[in-house]
Amino acid sequence: MKYLKINIEKTADIEALKNAVLQMKGVDSVEIIDDENPESELKKAFAKTKEQFKKGDYETLVNDIFDILTKK
């Protein structure tokens, strides 16, 4: 999977931008991540823990959470 990172201004209409990108051919999903709020990334990491535990992928899980907690 490939990702596209878009940096926006504080005054940008995030929902309108999200809807516009979702209309583009080949776009599966759009996720808004707030770099100033690492909690959103932590929630994302915990959301995929269920699948990682099912697969026995403990190393990736620990690395994901460690990276988020140590990221400035």
C-alpha atoms as a PDB file:
ATOM      1  CA  MET A   1       0.000   0.000   0.000  1.00  0.00           C
ATOM      2  CA  LYS A   2       1.199   3.511  -0.774  1.00  0.00           C
ATOM      3  CA  TYR A   3       0.341   6.642   1.161  1.00  0.00           C
ATOM      4  CA  LEU A   4      -0.005  10.296   0.239  1.00  0.00           C
ATOM      5  CA  LYS A   5       0.770  12.885   2.888  1.00  0.00           C
ATOM      6  CA  ILE A   6      -0.848  16.302   2.537  1.00  0.00           C
ATOM      7  CA  ASN A   7       0.047  19.149   4.894  1.00  0.00           C
ATOM      8  CA  ILE A   8      -2.780  21.624   5.349  1.00  0.00           C
ATOM      9  CA  GLU A   9      -3.202  25.026   6.927  1.00  0.00           C
ATOM     10  CA  LYS A  10      -5.194  25.430  10.125  1.00  0.00           C
ATOM     11  CA  THR A  11      -7.949  27.233   8.225  1.00  0.00           C
ATOM     12  CA  ALA A  12      -8.440  24.460   5.642  1.00  0.00           C
ATOM     13  CA  ASP A  13     -11.785  22.677   5.434  1.00  0.00           C
ATOM     14  CA  ILE A  14     -10.583  19.187   6.317  1.00  0.00           C
ATOM     15  CA  GLU A  15     -13.885  17.430   5.653  1.00  0.00           C
ATOM     16  CA  ALA A  16     -14.242  19.022   2.200  1.00  0.00           C
ATOM     17  CA  LEU A  17     -10.692  17.994   1.326  1.00  0.00           C
ATOM     18  CA  LYS A  18     -11.335  14.479   2.616  1.00  0.00           C
ATOM     19  CA  ASN A  19     -14.507  14.165   0.524  1.00  0.00           C
ATOM     20  CA  ALA A  20     -12.739  15.491  -2.584  1.00  0.00           C
ATOM     21  CA  VAL A  21      -9.889  12.989  -2.254  1.00  0.00           C
ATOM     22  CA  LEU A  22     -12.315  10.106  -1.682  1.00  0.00           C
ATOM     23  CA  GLN A  23     -13.945  10.925  -5.039  1.00  0.00           C
ATOM     24  CA  MET A  24     -10.681  10.266  -6.890  1.00  0.00           C
ATOM     25  CA  LYS A  25     -10.274   6.989  -8.731  1.00  0.00           C
ATOM     26  CA  GLY A  26      -8.103   4.501  -6.863  1.00  0.00           C
ATOM     27  CA  VAL A  27      -8.506   6.046  -3.405  1.00  0.00           C
ATOM     28  CA  ASP A  28      -9.618   3.447  -0.859  1.00  0.00           C
ATOM     29  CA  SER A  29      -9.719   5.585   2.251  1.00  0.00           C
ATOM     30  CA  VAL A  30      -8.692   8.908   3.738  1.00  0.00           C
ATOM     31  CA  GLU A  31      -7.441   9.274   7.288  1.00  0.00           C
ATOM     32  CA  ILE A  32      -6.826  12.532   9.121  1.00  0.00           C
ATOM     33  CA  ILE A  33      -3.802  12.419  11.434  1.00  0.00           C
ATOM     34  CA  ASP A  34      -2.965  15.340  13.690  1.00  0.00           C
ATOM     35  CA  ASP A  35       0.821  15.429  14.248  1.00  0.00           C
ATOM     36  CA  GLU A  36       0.288  17.855  17.114  1.00  0.00           C
ATOM     37  CA  ASN A  37      -1.937  15.279  18.797  1.00  0.00           C
ATOM     38  CA  PRO A  38      -0.050  11.965  19.020  1.00  0.00           C
ATOM     39  CA  GLU A  39      -3.087  10.428  20.713  1.00  0.00           C
ATOM     40  CA  SER A  40      -4.673   9.919  17.289  1.00  0.00           C
ATOM     41  CA  GLU A  41      -1.691   7.808  16.191  1.00  0.00           C
ATOM     42  CA  LEU A  42      -1.740   5.870  19.439  1.00  0.00           C
ATOM     43  CA  LYS A  43      -5.443   5.084  18.948  1.00  0.00           C
ATOM     44  CA  LYS A  44      -4.629   3.905  15.426  1.00  0.00           C
ATOM     45  CA  ALA A  45      -1.920   1.575  16.728  1.00  0.00           C
ATOM     46  CA  PHE A  46      -4.214   0.096  19.361  1.00  0.00           C
ATOM     47  CA  ALA A  47      -6.985  -0.363  16.782  1.00  0.00           C
ATOM     48  CA  LYS A  48      -4.878  -2.852  14.846  1.00  0.00           C
ATOM     49  CA  THR A  49      -3.691  -4.785  17.916  1.00  0.00           C
ATOM     50  CA  LYS A  50      -6.525  -7.292  17.689  1.00  0.00           C
ATOM     51  CA  GLU A  51      -5.436  -8.491  14.248  1.00  0.00           C
ATOM     52  CA  GLN A  52      -1.764  -8.495  15.233  1.00  0.00           C
ATOM     53  CA  PHE A  53      -2.497 -10.631  18.297  1.00  0.00           C
ATOM     54  CA  LYS A  54      -4.520 -13.053  16.183  1.00  0.00           C
ATOM     55  CA  LYS A  55      -1.587 -13.419  13.798  1.00  0.00           C
ATOM     56  CA  GLY A  56       0.954 -13.638  16.637  1.00  0.00           C
ATOM     57  CA  ASP A  57       2.708 -10.517  15.360  1.00  0.00           C
ATOM     58  CA  TYR A  58       3.822  -9.231  18.748  1.00  0.00           C
ATOM     59  CA  GLU A  59       7.093  -7.682  17.567  1.00  0.00           C
ATOM     60  CA  THR A  60       5.390  -5.308  15.119  1.00  0.00           C
ATOM     61  CA  LEU A  61       2.826  -4.340  17.731  1.00  0.00           C
ATOM     62  CA  VAL A  62       5.462  -3.459  20.308  1.00  0.00           C
ATOM     63  CA  ASN A  63       7.545  -1.581  17.729  1.00  0.00           C
ATOM     64  CA  ASP A  64       4.532   0.460  16.553  1.00  0.00           C
ATOM     65  CA  ILE A  65       3.616   1.530  20.068  1.00  0.00           C
ATOM     66  CA  PHE A  66       7.252   2.206  21.033  1.00  0.00           C
ATOM     67  CA  ASP A  67       7.750   4.395  17.921  1.00  0.00           C
ATOM     68  CA  ILE A  68       4.652   6.449  18.739  1.00  0.00           C
ATOM     69  CA  LEU A  69       5.604   6.948  22.386  1.00  0.00           C
ATOM     70  CA  THR A  70       9.197   7.980  21.595  1.00  0.00           C
ATOM     71  CA  LYS A  71       8.352  10.181  18.594  1.00  0.00           C
ATOM     72  CA  LYS A  72       8.777  13.886  19.283  1.00  0.00           C
END
